[in-house]
C-alpha cells in the first residue's frame, strides 16, 4: 500500500505542470456543468493537483487551472440551467441527487452572496449551484461574481493543502498514509464547519 501511494505521488510529480493544470481545469469545469462533483467532489481533484507541485513557480499555474475551471463551471453551468435546467433536474442524475440537496442549494442561492461563495466548501452543493442559479434566473453577473470569490478561496486553499501534504510525503515517505489521513480529516472538518455555518445562516 505504501509503495503504491509513493509510486502514484512520484508519477504525479513527474507530470508536466501544464498537463496537471489542464486536467484540473477540465475536471472543475465539468463538476458544475455535468454535476459530476456530486459523485466525486472537486476538493479531491484540487488536493491531488496540489500534491504534484514541487516548486513555488508551479503553484500559480495549477491555481490558474483551478480558477479557469471555476469560471467555466459557473458561467456554463448557469447557461445550461437557464436553457435546460428542468430537464437536468428531472434527469436520472438529478433524481439521484435528491430533492433535499436541490432544495438546500436553492435556499442558499436565495441568501446573501457570501452564502453562494461558501457553497464551494460544501462537497456536492457547489456542483449544483451553477445549474440551479440558471434555473432560478439569478442574474449571471451576480452569481458569477460570488462564485469566483468563493471559488478562488477554495482553489487556493485546497491546492495549498495538497502542496503541503505532497512535500511532507516526499520528505517523510514512511508517513504517507498518516499524512493522507490528516489531509482527509482537515478537508472533512472544513466541509463540516462550513455546512454548519450555512445551516445556521
N, C-alpha and C. Protein backbone atom coordinates (compact mmCIF):
# COMPACT_ATOMS: atom_id res chain seq x y z
N UNK A 1 0.83 -1.20 0.00
CA UNK A 1 0.00 0.00 0.00
C UNK A 1 0.87 1.26 0.00
N UNK A 2 1.86 1.30 0.91
CA UNK A 2 2.74 2.47 0.98
C UNK A 2 3.48 2.67 -0.33
N UNK A 3 3.98 1.56 -0.91
CA UNK A 3 4.72 1.65 -2.16
C UNK A 3 3.83 2.17 -3.28
N UNK A 4 2.58 1.72 -3.32
CA UNK A 4 1.65 2.14 -4.38
C UNK A 4 1.38 3.64 -4.29
N UNK A 5 1.14 4.11 -3.07
CA UNK A 5 0.88 5.55 -2.88
C UNK A 5 2.13 6.35 -3.23
N UNK A 6 3.29 5.84 -2.81
CA UNK A 6 4.55 6.52 -3.10
C UNK A 6 4.79 6.60 -4.61
N UNK A 7 4.52 5.51 -5.32
CA UNK A 7 4.70 5.49 -6.76
C UNK A 7 3.73 6.44 -7.46
N UNK A 8 2.49 6.49 -6.96
CA UNK A 8 1.50 7.40 -7.54
C UNK A 8 1.95 8.84 -7.36
N UNK A 9 2.44 9.15 -6.17
CA UNK A 9 2.90 10.51 -5.89
C UNK A 9 4.08 10.88 -6.78
N UNK A 10 5.01 9.93 -6.95
CA UNK A 10 6.15 10.18 -7.83
C UNK A 10 5.70 10.39 -9.27
N UNK A 11 4.74 9.56 -9.72
CA UNK A 11 4.25 9.69 -11.09
C UNK A 11 3.59 11.05 -11.30
N UNK A 12 2.77 11.47 -10.35
CA UNK A 12 2.10 12.75 -10.47
C UNK A 12 3.09 13.90 -10.50
N UNK A 13 4.11 13.80 -9.63
CA UNK A 13 5.11 14.86 -9.54
C UNK A 13 5.88 15.01 -10.85
N UNK A 14 6.07 13.90 -11.56
CA UNK A 14 6.85 13.93 -12.80
C UNK A 14 6.04 14.40 -14.01
N UNK A 15 4.74 14.63 -13.82
CA UNK A 15 3.93 15.11 -14.93
C UNK A 15 4.15 16.61 -15.13
N UNK A 16 3.95 17.04 -16.35
CA UNK A 16 4.09 18.46 -16.68
C UNK A 16 3.08 19.29 -15.87
N UNK A 17 3.52 20.38 -15.25
CA UNK A 17 2.58 21.25 -14.53
C UNK A 17 1.45 21.75 -15.43
N UNK A 18 1.78 21.95 -16.71
CA UNK A 18 0.75 22.39 -17.66
C UNK A 18 -0.31 21.32 -17.83
N UNK A 19 0.10 20.05 -17.89
CA UNK A 19 -0.85 18.94 -18.01
C UNK A 19 -1.73 18.86 -16.76
N UNK A 20 -1.11 18.98 -15.60
CA UNK A 20 -1.86 18.94 -14.33
C UNK A 20 -2.88 20.08 -14.29
N UNK A 21 -2.45 21.28 -14.69
CA UNK A 21 -3.34 22.44 -14.68
C UNK A 21 -4.50 22.24 -15.64
N UNK A 22 -4.22 21.65 -16.80
CA UNK A 22 -5.26 21.42 -17.81
C UNK A 22 -6.29 20.41 -17.32
N UNK A 23 -5.80 19.31 -16.74
CA UNK A 23 -6.71 18.29 -16.21
C UNK A 23 -7.55 18.86 -15.07
N UNK A 24 -6.93 19.67 -14.22
CA UNK A 24 -7.65 20.31 -13.12
C UNK A 24 -8.74 21.22 -13.66
N UNK A 25 -8.40 22.02 -14.66
CA UNK A 25 -9.38 22.92 -15.28
C UNK A 25 -10.57 22.13 -15.82
N UNK A 26 -10.29 21.05 -16.54
CA UNK A 26 -11.36 20.25 -17.14
C UNK A 26 -12.26 19.63 -16.08
N UNK A 27 -11.65 19.08 -15.02
CA UNK A 27 -12.47 18.41 -14.01
C UNK A 27 -13.35 19.42 -13.27
N UNK A 28 -12.74 20.53 -12.83
CA UNK A 28 -13.52 21.53 -12.08
C UNK A 28 -14.60 22.12 -12.97
N UNK A 29 -14.30 22.31 -14.26
CA UNK A 29 -15.31 22.83 -15.18
C UNK A 29 -16.49 21.87 -15.31
N UNK A 30 -16.20 20.60 -15.48
CA UNK A 30 -17.26 19.60 -15.64
C UNK A 30 -18.04 19.37 -14.37
N UNK A 31 -17.41 19.68 -13.23
CA UNK A 31 -18.07 19.46 -11.95
C UNK A 31 -19.41 20.17 -11.87
N UNK A 32 -19.43 21.44 -12.28
CA UNK A 32 -20.67 22.21 -12.19
C UNK A 32 -21.48 22.23 -13.46
N UNK A 33 -20.93 21.71 -14.56
CA UNK A 33 -21.68 21.66 -15.81
C UNK A 33 -22.47 20.36 -15.94
N UNK A 34 -21.85 19.26 -15.52
CA UNK A 34 -22.48 17.95 -15.66
C UNK A 34 -22.78 17.30 -14.31
N UNK A 35 -22.61 18.06 -13.24
CA UNK A 35 -22.93 17.61 -11.87
C UNK A 35 -22.04 16.46 -11.39
N UNK A 36 -20.89 16.23 -12.03
CA UNK A 36 -20.07 15.10 -11.60
C UNK A 36 -19.47 15.34 -10.21
N UNK A 37 -19.46 16.61 -9.78
CA UNK A 37 -18.95 16.90 -8.44
C UNK A 37 -19.82 16.32 -7.34
N UNK A 38 -21.05 15.95 -7.68
CA UNK A 38 -21.93 15.31 -6.69
C UNK A 38 -21.40 13.91 -6.38
N UNK A 39 -20.76 13.28 -7.38
CA UNK A 39 -20.25 11.92 -7.22
C UNK A 39 -18.83 11.93 -6.66
N UNK A 40 -17.95 12.70 -7.28
CA UNK A 40 -16.56 12.84 -6.81
C UNK A 40 -16.28 14.34 -6.65
N UNK A 41 -16.32 14.86 -5.43
CA UNK A 41 -16.14 16.30 -5.19
C UNK A 41 -14.85 16.84 -5.78
N UNK A 42 -14.92 18.07 -6.25
CA UNK A 42 -13.74 18.72 -6.81
C UNK A 42 -12.64 18.96 -5.81
N UNK A 43 -12.98 18.94 -4.52
CA UNK A 43 -11.95 19.12 -3.48
C UNK A 43 -10.81 18.13 -3.70
N UNK A 44 -11.18 16.89 -4.01
CA UNK A 44 -10.18 15.84 -4.18
C UNK A 44 -9.26 16.14 -5.36
N UNK A 45 -9.84 16.61 -6.46
CA UNK A 45 -9.01 16.90 -7.64
C UNK A 45 -8.02 18.03 -7.35
N UNK A 46 -8.45 19.02 -6.57
CA UNK A 46 -7.55 20.14 -6.24
C UNK A 46 -6.43 19.70 -5.31
N UNK A 47 -6.76 18.86 -4.35
CA UNK A 47 -5.73 18.37 -3.42
C UNK A 47 -4.71 17.52 -4.17
N UNK A 48 -5.20 16.63 -5.04
CA UNK A 48 -4.29 15.79 -5.82
C UNK A 48 -3.41 16.66 -6.72
N UNK A 49 -4.02 17.67 -7.36
CA UNK A 49 -3.23 18.57 -8.21
C UNK A 49 -2.16 19.27 -7.38
N UNK A 50 -2.52 19.64 -6.15
CA UNK A 50 -1.55 20.31 -5.28
C UNK A 50 -0.37 19.43 -4.92
N UNK A 51 -0.61 18.12 -4.80
CA UNK A 51 0.50 17.22 -4.43
C UNK A 51 1.56 17.15 -5.52
N UNK A 52 1.21 17.52 -6.74
CA UNK A 52 2.18 17.45 -7.84
C UNK A 52 3.17 18.61 -7.81
N UNK A 53 2.84 19.64 -7.06
CA UNK A 53 3.68 20.84 -7.02
C UNK A 53 4.95 20.56 -6.22
N UNK A 54 6.09 20.73 -6.84
CA UNK A 54 7.34 20.54 -6.10
C UNK A 54 8.26 21.76 -6.21
N UNK A 55 7.71 22.87 -6.70
CA UNK A 55 8.45 24.13 -6.72
C UNK A 55 7.46 25.29 -6.71
N UNK A 56 7.86 26.39 -6.13
CA UNK A 56 6.95 27.54 -5.98
C UNK A 56 6.41 28.05 -7.31
N UNK A 57 7.21 28.13 -8.39
CA UNK A 57 6.68 28.63 -9.67
C UNK A 57 5.53 27.80 -10.24
N UNK A 58 5.41 26.54 -9.82
CA UNK A 58 4.36 25.70 -10.36
C UNK A 58 2.99 26.00 -9.73
N UNK A 59 3.02 26.61 -8.54
CA UNK A 59 1.77 26.86 -7.82
C UNK A 59 0.81 27.74 -8.62
N UNK A 60 1.25 28.91 -9.14
CA UNK A 60 0.31 29.76 -9.88
C UNK A 60 -0.32 29.08 -11.08
N UNK A 61 0.44 28.21 -11.75
CA UNK A 61 -0.09 27.53 -12.93
C UNK A 61 -1.22 26.58 -12.55
N UNK A 62 -1.00 25.79 -11.50
CA UNK A 62 -2.04 24.85 -11.06
C UNK A 62 -3.26 25.61 -10.54
N UNK A 63 -3.01 26.68 -9.78
CA UNK A 63 -4.11 27.51 -9.28
C UNK A 63 -4.89 28.13 -10.44
N UNK A 64 -4.18 28.59 -11.46
CA UNK A 64 -4.84 29.17 -12.63
C UNK A 64 -5.74 28.14 -13.30
N UNK A 65 -5.28 26.89 -13.37
CA UNK A 65 -6.12 25.84 -13.93
C UNK A 65 -7.41 25.67 -13.15
N UNK A 66 -7.28 25.66 -11.83
CA UNK A 66 -8.46 25.54 -10.98
C UNK A 66 -9.41 26.72 -11.15
N UNK A 67 -8.86 27.93 -11.19
CA UNK A 67 -9.70 29.12 -11.35
C UNK A 67 -10.39 29.15 -12.72
N UNK A 68 -9.66 28.70 -13.74
CA UNK A 68 -10.28 28.60 -15.06
C UNK A 68 -11.45 27.64 -15.04
N UNK A 69 -11.28 26.53 -14.33
CA UNK A 69 -12.36 25.57 -14.20
C UNK A 69 -13.57 26.14 -13.48
N UNK A 70 -13.31 26.93 -12.43
CA UNK A 70 -14.40 27.57 -11.68
C UNK A 70 -15.18 28.51 -12.59
N UNK A 71 -14.47 29.31 -13.38
CA UNK A 71 -15.13 30.26 -14.28
C UNK A 71 -15.99 29.53 -15.32
N UNK A 72 -15.42 28.50 -15.94
CA UNK A 72 -16.17 27.75 -16.96
C UNK A 72 -17.38 27.08 -16.32
N UNK A 73 -17.17 26.49 -15.15
CA UNK A 73 -18.25 25.80 -14.45
C UNK A 73 -19.38 26.77 -14.10
N UNK A 74 -19.01 27.93 -13.53
CA UNK A 74 -20.02 28.88 -13.07
C UNK A 74 -20.86 29.42 -14.23
N UNK A 75 -20.19 29.92 -15.27
CA UNK A 75 -20.93 30.59 -16.34
C UNK A 75 -21.58 29.60 -17.31
N UNK A 76 -20.90 28.49 -17.60
CA UNK A 76 -21.52 27.49 -18.48
C UNK A 76 -22.65 26.76 -17.76
N UNK A 77 -22.42 26.45 -16.47
CA UNK A 77 -23.48 25.81 -15.70
C UNK A 77 -24.71 26.69 -15.60
N UNK A 78 -24.49 27.99 -15.42
CA UNK A 78 -25.61 28.94 -15.36
C UNK A 78 -26.38 28.93 -16.68
N UNK A 79 -25.64 28.91 -17.80
CA UNK A 79 -26.29 28.90 -19.11
C UNK A 79 -27.08 27.62 -19.31
N UNK A 80 -26.49 26.50 -18.92
CA UNK A 80 -27.19 25.21 -19.05
C UNK A 80 -28.47 25.22 -18.21
N UNK A 81 -28.37 25.76 -17.00
CA UNK A 81 -29.54 25.82 -16.13
C UNK A 81 -30.65 26.68 -16.69
N UNK A 82 -30.29 27.82 -17.28
CA UNK A 82 -31.30 28.73 -17.81
C UNK A 82 -31.97 28.18 -19.07
N UNK A 83 -31.29 27.30 -19.79
CA UNK A 83 -31.84 26.76 -21.03
C UNK A 83 -32.39 25.34 -20.90
N UNK A 84 -31.74 24.53 -20.07
CA UNK A 84 -32.14 23.12 -19.98
C UNK A 84 -32.35 22.66 -18.53
N UNK A 85 -32.41 23.61 -17.63
CA UNK A 85 -32.46 23.29 -16.20
C UNK A 85 -33.48 22.26 -15.77
N UNK A 86 -34.75 22.45 -16.10
CA UNK A 86 -35.76 21.47 -15.67
C UNK A 86 -35.44 20.05 -16.12
N UNK A 87 -34.87 19.90 -17.35
CA UNK A 87 -34.52 18.57 -17.83
C UNK A 87 -33.38 17.98 -17.01
N UNK A 88 -32.40 18.84 -16.66
CA UNK A 88 -31.28 18.36 -15.87
C UNK A 88 -31.76 17.88 -14.51
N UNK A 89 -32.62 18.67 -13.88
CA UNK A 89 -33.12 18.30 -12.55
C UNK A 89 -33.98 17.04 -12.60
N UNK A 90 -34.67 16.84 -13.72
CA UNK A 90 -35.55 15.68 -13.86
C UNK A 90 -34.81 14.46 -14.41
N UNK A 91 -33.54 14.64 -14.78
CA UNK A 91 -32.77 13.53 -15.34
C UNK A 91 -32.49 12.47 -14.28
N UNK A 92 -31.94 11.35 -14.70
CA UNK A 92 -31.63 10.27 -13.76
C UNK A 92 -30.66 10.75 -12.69
N UNK A 93 -29.62 11.49 -13.11
CA UNK A 93 -28.66 12.01 -12.14
C UNK A 93 -29.30 13.04 -11.23
N UNK A 94 -30.16 13.90 -11.81
CA UNK A 94 -30.85 14.90 -11.00
C UNK A 94 -31.72 14.26 -9.94
N UNK A 95 -32.40 13.18 -10.29
CA UNK A 95 -33.24 12.47 -9.32
C UNK A 95 -32.39 11.76 -8.29
N UNK A 96 -31.21 11.27 -8.74
CA UNK A 96 -30.30 10.59 -7.81
C UNK A 96 -29.79 11.57 -6.75
N UNK A 97 -29.56 12.82 -7.16
CA UNK A 97 -29.10 13.84 -6.21
C UNK A 97 -30.12 13.98 -5.08
N UNK A 98 -31.39 13.98 -5.43
CA UNK A 98 -32.44 14.06 -4.43
C UNK A 98 -32.97 15.47 -4.22
N UNK A 99 -34.26 15.55 -3.91
CA UNK A 99 -34.90 16.85 -3.72
C UNK A 99 -34.30 17.63 -2.55
N UNK A 100 -33.87 16.92 -1.53
CA UNK A 100 -33.34 17.61 -0.34
C UNK A 100 -32.13 18.47 -0.68
N UNK A 101 -31.20 17.90 -1.45
CA UNK A 101 -30.00 18.67 -1.81
C UNK A 101 -30.34 19.81 -2.76
N UNK A 102 -31.23 19.56 -3.69
CA UNK A 102 -31.64 20.63 -4.61
C UNK A 102 -32.27 21.78 -3.82
N UNK A 103 -33.12 21.45 -2.86
CA UNK A 103 -33.78 22.49 -2.07
C UNK A 103 -32.79 23.24 -1.20
N UNK A 104 -31.82 22.52 -0.64
CA UNK A 104 -30.80 23.17 0.17
C UNK A 104 -29.99 24.15 -0.67
N UNK A 105 -29.61 23.73 -1.87
CA UNK A 105 -28.87 24.62 -2.76
C UNK A 105 -29.72 25.81 -3.16
N UNK A 106 -31.00 25.58 -3.38
CA UNK A 106 -31.90 26.67 -3.77
C UNK A 106 -32.02 27.70 -2.66
N UNK A 107 -32.10 27.25 -1.42
CA UNK A 107 -32.18 28.16 -0.28
C UNK A 107 -30.91 29.01 -0.16
N UNK A 108 -29.77 28.40 -0.43
CA UNK A 108 -28.51 29.14 -0.35
C UNK A 108 -28.44 30.22 -1.42
N UNK A 109 -28.92 29.90 -2.60
CA UNK A 109 -28.88 30.86 -3.69
C UNK A 109 -29.81 32.04 -3.45
N UNK A 110 -30.77 31.86 -2.58
CA UNK A 110 -31.69 32.95 -2.25
C UNK A 110 -31.19 33.79 -1.08
N UNK A 111 -30.02 33.41 -0.56
CA UNK A 111 -29.43 34.14 0.56
C UNK A 111 -28.44 35.19 0.09
N UNK A 112 -27.51 35.55 0.97
CA UNK A 112 -26.51 36.56 0.65
C UNK A 112 -25.45 36.01 -0.30
N UNK A 113 -24.68 36.91 -0.87
CA UNK A 113 -23.62 36.49 -1.77
C UNK A 113 -22.60 35.59 -1.11
N UNK A 114 -22.30 35.87 0.16
CA UNK A 114 -21.30 35.06 0.86
C UNK A 114 -21.75 33.61 1.01
N UNK A 115 -23.06 33.39 1.10
CA UNK A 115 -23.55 32.01 1.17
C UNK A 115 -23.27 31.29 -0.14
N UNK A 116 -23.40 32.01 -1.25
CA UNK A 116 -23.08 31.42 -2.55
C UNK A 116 -21.61 31.04 -2.59
N UNK A 117 -20.76 31.95 -2.08
CA UNK A 117 -19.32 31.69 -2.07
C UNK A 117 -18.98 30.49 -1.20
N UNK A 118 -19.66 30.35 -0.08
CA UNK A 118 -19.36 29.27 0.86
C UNK A 118 -19.73 27.89 0.33
N UNK A 119 -20.63 27.84 -0.66
CA UNK A 119 -21.05 26.53 -1.17
C UNK A 119 -19.87 25.74 -1.74
N UNK A 120 -18.80 26.43 -2.14
CA UNK A 120 -17.65 25.72 -2.70
C UNK A 120 -16.98 24.82 -1.67
N UNK A 121 -17.22 25.09 -0.40
CA UNK A 121 -16.60 24.29 0.65
C UNK A 121 -17.54 23.22 1.19
N UNK A 122 -18.70 23.07 0.55
CA UNK A 122 -19.65 22.01 0.94
C UNK A 122 -19.72 21.03 -0.23
N UNK A 123 -19.02 19.89 -0.13
CA UNK A 123 -18.99 18.93 -1.23
C UNK A 123 -20.39 18.58 -1.75
N UNK A 124 -20.54 18.63 -3.05
CA UNK A 124 -21.82 18.30 -3.66
C UNK A 124 -22.64 19.54 -4.00
N UNK A 125 -22.76 20.46 -3.05
CA UNK A 125 -23.58 21.65 -3.28
C UNK A 125 -22.98 22.55 -4.35
N UNK A 126 -21.64 22.65 -4.35
CA UNK A 126 -21.03 23.53 -5.35
C UNK A 126 -21.22 23.01 -6.77
N UNK A 127 -21.52 21.72 -6.90
CA UNK A 127 -21.77 21.14 -8.22
C UNK A 127 -23.20 21.46 -8.69
N UNK A 128 -24.09 21.75 -7.75
CA UNK A 128 -25.48 22.01 -8.09
C UNK A 128 -25.77 23.48 -8.34
N UNK A 129 -25.06 24.37 -7.65
CA UNK A 129 -25.42 25.78 -7.67
C UNK A 129 -25.34 26.46 -9.04
N UNK A 130 -24.36 26.16 -9.92
CA UNK A 130 -24.36 26.85 -11.22
C UNK A 130 -25.62 26.58 -12.04
N UNK A 131 -25.99 25.31 -12.16
CA UNK A 131 -27.18 24.96 -12.93
C UNK A 131 -28.43 25.52 -12.26
N UNK A 132 -28.50 25.41 -10.95
CA UNK A 132 -29.68 25.88 -10.23
C UNK A 132 -29.80 27.40 -10.32
N UNK A 133 -28.67 28.10 -10.31
CA UNK A 133 -28.71 29.57 -10.45
C UNK A 133 -29.33 29.94 -11.79
N UNK A 134 -29.03 29.17 -12.83
CA UNK A 134 -29.65 29.41 -14.13
C UNK A 134 -31.13 29.10 -14.12
N UNK A 135 -31.51 28.02 -13.47
CA UNK A 135 -32.93 27.64 -13.37
C UNK A 135 -33.73 28.74 -12.68
N UNK A 136 -33.14 29.34 -11.64
CA UNK A 136 -33.83 30.37 -10.85
C UNK A 136 -33.72 31.76 -11.47
N UNK A 137 -33.07 31.82 -12.64
CA UNK A 137 -32.89 33.11 -13.33
C UNK A 137 -32.14 34.13 -12.48
N UNK A 138 -31.20 33.66 -11.68
CA UNK A 138 -30.37 34.58 -10.93
C UNK A 138 -29.49 35.35 -11.90
N UNK A 139 -29.36 36.67 -11.72
CA UNK A 139 -28.50 37.44 -12.63
C UNK A 139 -27.13 36.80 -12.78
N UNK A 140 -26.72 36.59 -14.00
CA UNK A 140 -25.46 35.88 -14.28
C UNK A 140 -24.27 36.59 -13.64
N UNK A 141 -24.25 37.91 -13.70
CA UNK A 141 -23.11 38.64 -13.14
C UNK A 141 -23.03 38.49 -11.63
N UNK A 142 -24.19 38.54 -10.97
CA UNK A 142 -24.18 38.41 -9.50
C UNK A 142 -23.70 37.03 -9.10
N UNK A 143 -24.25 36.01 -9.74
CA UNK A 143 -23.82 34.65 -9.40
C UNK A 143 -22.35 34.46 -9.72
N UNK A 144 -21.93 34.89 -10.91
CA UNK A 144 -20.54 34.72 -11.31
C UNK A 144 -19.57 35.43 -10.39
N UNK A 145 -19.94 36.62 -9.92
CA UNK A 145 -19.06 37.38 -9.02
C UNK A 145 -18.80 36.61 -7.74
N UNK A 146 -19.87 36.16 -7.09
CA UNK A 146 -19.70 35.45 -5.82
C UNK A 146 -19.13 34.05 -6.01
N UNK A 147 -19.45 33.44 -7.13
CA UNK A 147 -18.88 32.12 -7.42
C UNK A 147 -17.36 32.22 -7.58
N UNK A 148 -16.89 33.26 -8.24
CA UNK A 148 -15.46 33.43 -8.44
C UNK A 148 -14.75 33.75 -7.13
N UNK A 149 -15.38 34.52 -6.26
CA UNK A 149 -14.77 34.82 -4.96
C UNK A 149 -14.63 33.53 -4.15
N UNK A 150 -15.74 32.79 -4.02
CA UNK A 150 -15.70 31.54 -3.27
C UNK A 150 -14.78 30.53 -3.93
N UNK A 151 -14.84 30.46 -5.26
CA UNK A 151 -14.01 29.51 -5.99
C UNK A 151 -12.53 29.81 -5.84
N UNK A 152 -12.18 31.09 -5.82
CA UNK A 152 -10.77 31.46 -5.69
C UNK A 152 -10.21 31.02 -4.34
N UNK A 153 -10.98 31.27 -3.28
CA UNK A 153 -10.53 30.86 -1.94
C UNK A 153 -10.43 29.35 -1.86
N UNK A 154 -11.41 28.68 -2.44
CA UNK A 154 -11.46 27.21 -2.46
C UNK A 154 -10.27 26.62 -3.19
N UNK A 155 -10.00 27.12 -4.38
CA UNK A 155 -8.90 26.60 -5.18
C UNK A 155 -7.56 26.83 -4.50
N UNK A 156 -7.30 28.06 -4.09
CA UNK A 156 -6.02 28.37 -3.44
C UNK A 156 -5.85 27.54 -2.17
N UNK A 157 -6.92 27.44 -1.38
CA UNK A 157 -6.84 26.70 -0.12
C UNK A 157 -6.53 25.22 -0.31
N UNK A 158 -7.25 24.57 -1.21
CA UNK A 158 -7.06 23.12 -1.37
C UNK A 158 -5.81 22.76 -2.17
N UNK A 159 -5.43 23.60 -3.13
CA UNK A 159 -4.17 23.34 -3.83
C UNK A 159 -3.01 23.50 -2.86
N UNK A 160 -3.08 24.51 -2.00
CA UNK A 160 -2.03 24.72 -0.99
C UNK A 160 -1.97 23.55 -0.01
N UNK A 161 -3.15 23.07 0.41
CA UNK A 161 -3.20 21.92 1.31
C UNK A 161 -2.55 20.71 0.65
N UNK A 162 -2.86 20.49 -0.62
CA UNK A 162 -2.27 19.37 -1.34
C UNK A 162 -0.77 19.53 -1.49
N UNK A 163 -0.31 20.75 -1.76
CA UNK A 163 1.11 21.01 -1.93
C UNK A 163 1.88 20.73 -0.64
N UNK A 164 1.33 21.17 0.47
CA UNK A 164 1.97 20.92 1.77
C UNK A 164 2.03 19.42 2.07
N UNK A 165 0.92 18.74 1.78
CA UNK A 165 0.88 17.29 2.03
C UNK A 165 1.85 16.56 1.12
N UNK A 166 1.90 16.96 -0.15
CA UNK A 166 2.81 16.31 -1.08
C UNK A 166 4.26 16.48 -0.68
N UNK A 167 4.63 17.69 -0.26
CA UNK A 167 6.01 17.94 0.15
C UNK A 167 6.34 17.15 1.41
N UNK A 168 5.39 17.12 2.36
CA UNK A 168 5.62 16.35 3.60
C UNK A 168 5.79 14.87 3.29
N UNK A 169 5.01 14.36 2.35
CA UNK A 169 5.10 12.94 1.99
C UNK A 169 6.42 12.62 1.30
N UNK A 170 6.90 13.54 0.48
CA UNK A 170 8.17 13.30 -0.20
C UNK A 170 9.36 13.34 0.78
N UNK A 171 9.21 14.15 1.82
CA UNK A 171 10.28 14.25 2.80
C UNK A 171 10.20 13.14 3.85
N UNK A 172 9.02 12.55 4.01
CA UNK A 172 8.81 11.51 5.03
C UNK A 172 8.00 10.38 4.41
N UNK A 173 8.66 9.56 3.58
CA UNK A 173 7.95 8.52 2.84
C UNK A 173 7.25 7.52 3.75
N UNK A 174 7.78 7.30 4.93
CA UNK A 174 7.16 6.34 5.83
C UNK A 174 5.88 6.85 6.45
N UNK A 175 5.59 8.13 6.27
CA UNK A 175 4.39 8.72 6.90
C UNK A 175 3.33 9.08 5.86
N UNK A 176 3.41 8.47 4.69
CA UNK A 176 2.48 8.83 3.62
C UNK A 176 1.02 8.61 4.03
N UNK A 177 0.72 7.45 4.60
CA UNK A 177 -0.67 7.17 4.97
C UNK A 177 -1.18 8.09 6.08
N UNK A 178 -0.39 8.32 7.15
CA UNK A 178 -0.86 9.28 8.16
C UNK A 178 -1.07 10.68 7.59
N UNK A 179 -0.19 11.09 6.67
CA UNK A 179 -0.34 12.40 6.05
C UNK A 179 -1.62 12.46 5.24
N UNK A 180 -1.87 11.40 4.45
CA UNK A 180 -3.10 11.34 3.65
C UNK A 180 -4.33 11.37 4.55
N UNK A 181 -4.27 10.64 5.66
CA UNK A 181 -5.38 10.63 6.60
C UNK A 181 -5.59 12.01 7.21
N UNK A 182 -4.48 12.69 7.51
CA UNK A 182 -4.57 14.03 8.08
C UNK A 182 -5.22 15.01 7.11
N UNK A 183 -4.85 14.90 5.84
CA UNK A 183 -5.45 15.77 4.82
C UNK A 183 -6.95 15.51 4.71
N UNK A 184 -7.32 14.23 4.74
CA UNK A 184 -8.74 13.87 4.66
C UNK A 184 -9.52 14.44 5.84
N UNK A 185 -8.91 14.39 7.03
CA UNK A 185 -9.56 14.92 8.23
C UNK A 185 -9.73 16.43 8.13
N UNK A 186 -8.68 17.11 7.66
CA UNK A 186 -8.74 18.57 7.52
C UNK A 186 -9.84 18.96 6.53
N UNK A 187 -9.87 18.29 5.37
CA UNK A 187 -10.88 18.61 4.35
C UNK A 187 -12.29 18.33 4.87
N UNK A 188 -12.45 17.20 5.56
CA UNK A 188 -13.77 16.85 6.11
C UNK A 188 -14.20 17.85 7.17
N UNK A 189 -13.26 18.30 7.98
CA UNK A 189 -13.57 19.26 9.04
C UNK A 189 -14.00 20.60 8.45
N UNK A 190 -13.28 21.04 7.41
CA UNK A 190 -13.65 22.30 6.75
C UNK A 190 -15.07 22.20 6.20
N UNK A 191 -15.37 21.09 5.51
CA UNK A 191 -16.69 20.90 4.95
C UNK A 191 -17.77 20.87 6.02
N UNK A 192 -17.48 20.20 7.15
CA UNK A 192 -18.46 20.10 8.24
C UNK A 192 -18.72 21.47 8.86
N UNK A 193 -17.65 22.22 9.14
CA UNK A 193 -17.79 23.53 9.78
C UNK A 193 -18.57 24.49 8.88
N UNK A 194 -18.21 24.51 7.59
CA UNK A 194 -18.90 25.41 6.66
C UNK A 194 -20.36 25.01 6.53
N UNK A 195 -20.63 23.70 6.46
CA UNK A 195 -22.02 23.25 6.37
C UNK A 195 -22.83 23.72 7.57
N UNK A 196 -22.24 23.64 8.76
CA UNK A 196 -22.95 24.10 9.97
C UNK A 196 -23.20 25.60 9.93
N UNK A 197 -22.21 26.34 9.45
CA UNK A 197 -22.38 27.79 9.32
C UNK A 197 -23.50 28.11 8.35
N UNK A 198 -23.51 27.39 7.22
CA UNK A 198 -24.55 27.60 6.21
C UNK A 198 -25.92 27.26 6.75
N UNK A 199 -26.02 26.16 7.49
CA UNK A 199 -27.31 25.73 8.02
C UNK A 199 -27.85 26.69 9.06
N UNK A 200 -26.96 27.44 9.74
CA UNK A 200 -27.37 28.38 10.77
C UNK A 200 -27.48 29.81 10.26
N UNK A 201 -27.45 29.96 8.94
CA UNK A 201 -27.44 31.30 8.34
C UNK A 201 -28.62 32.14 8.80
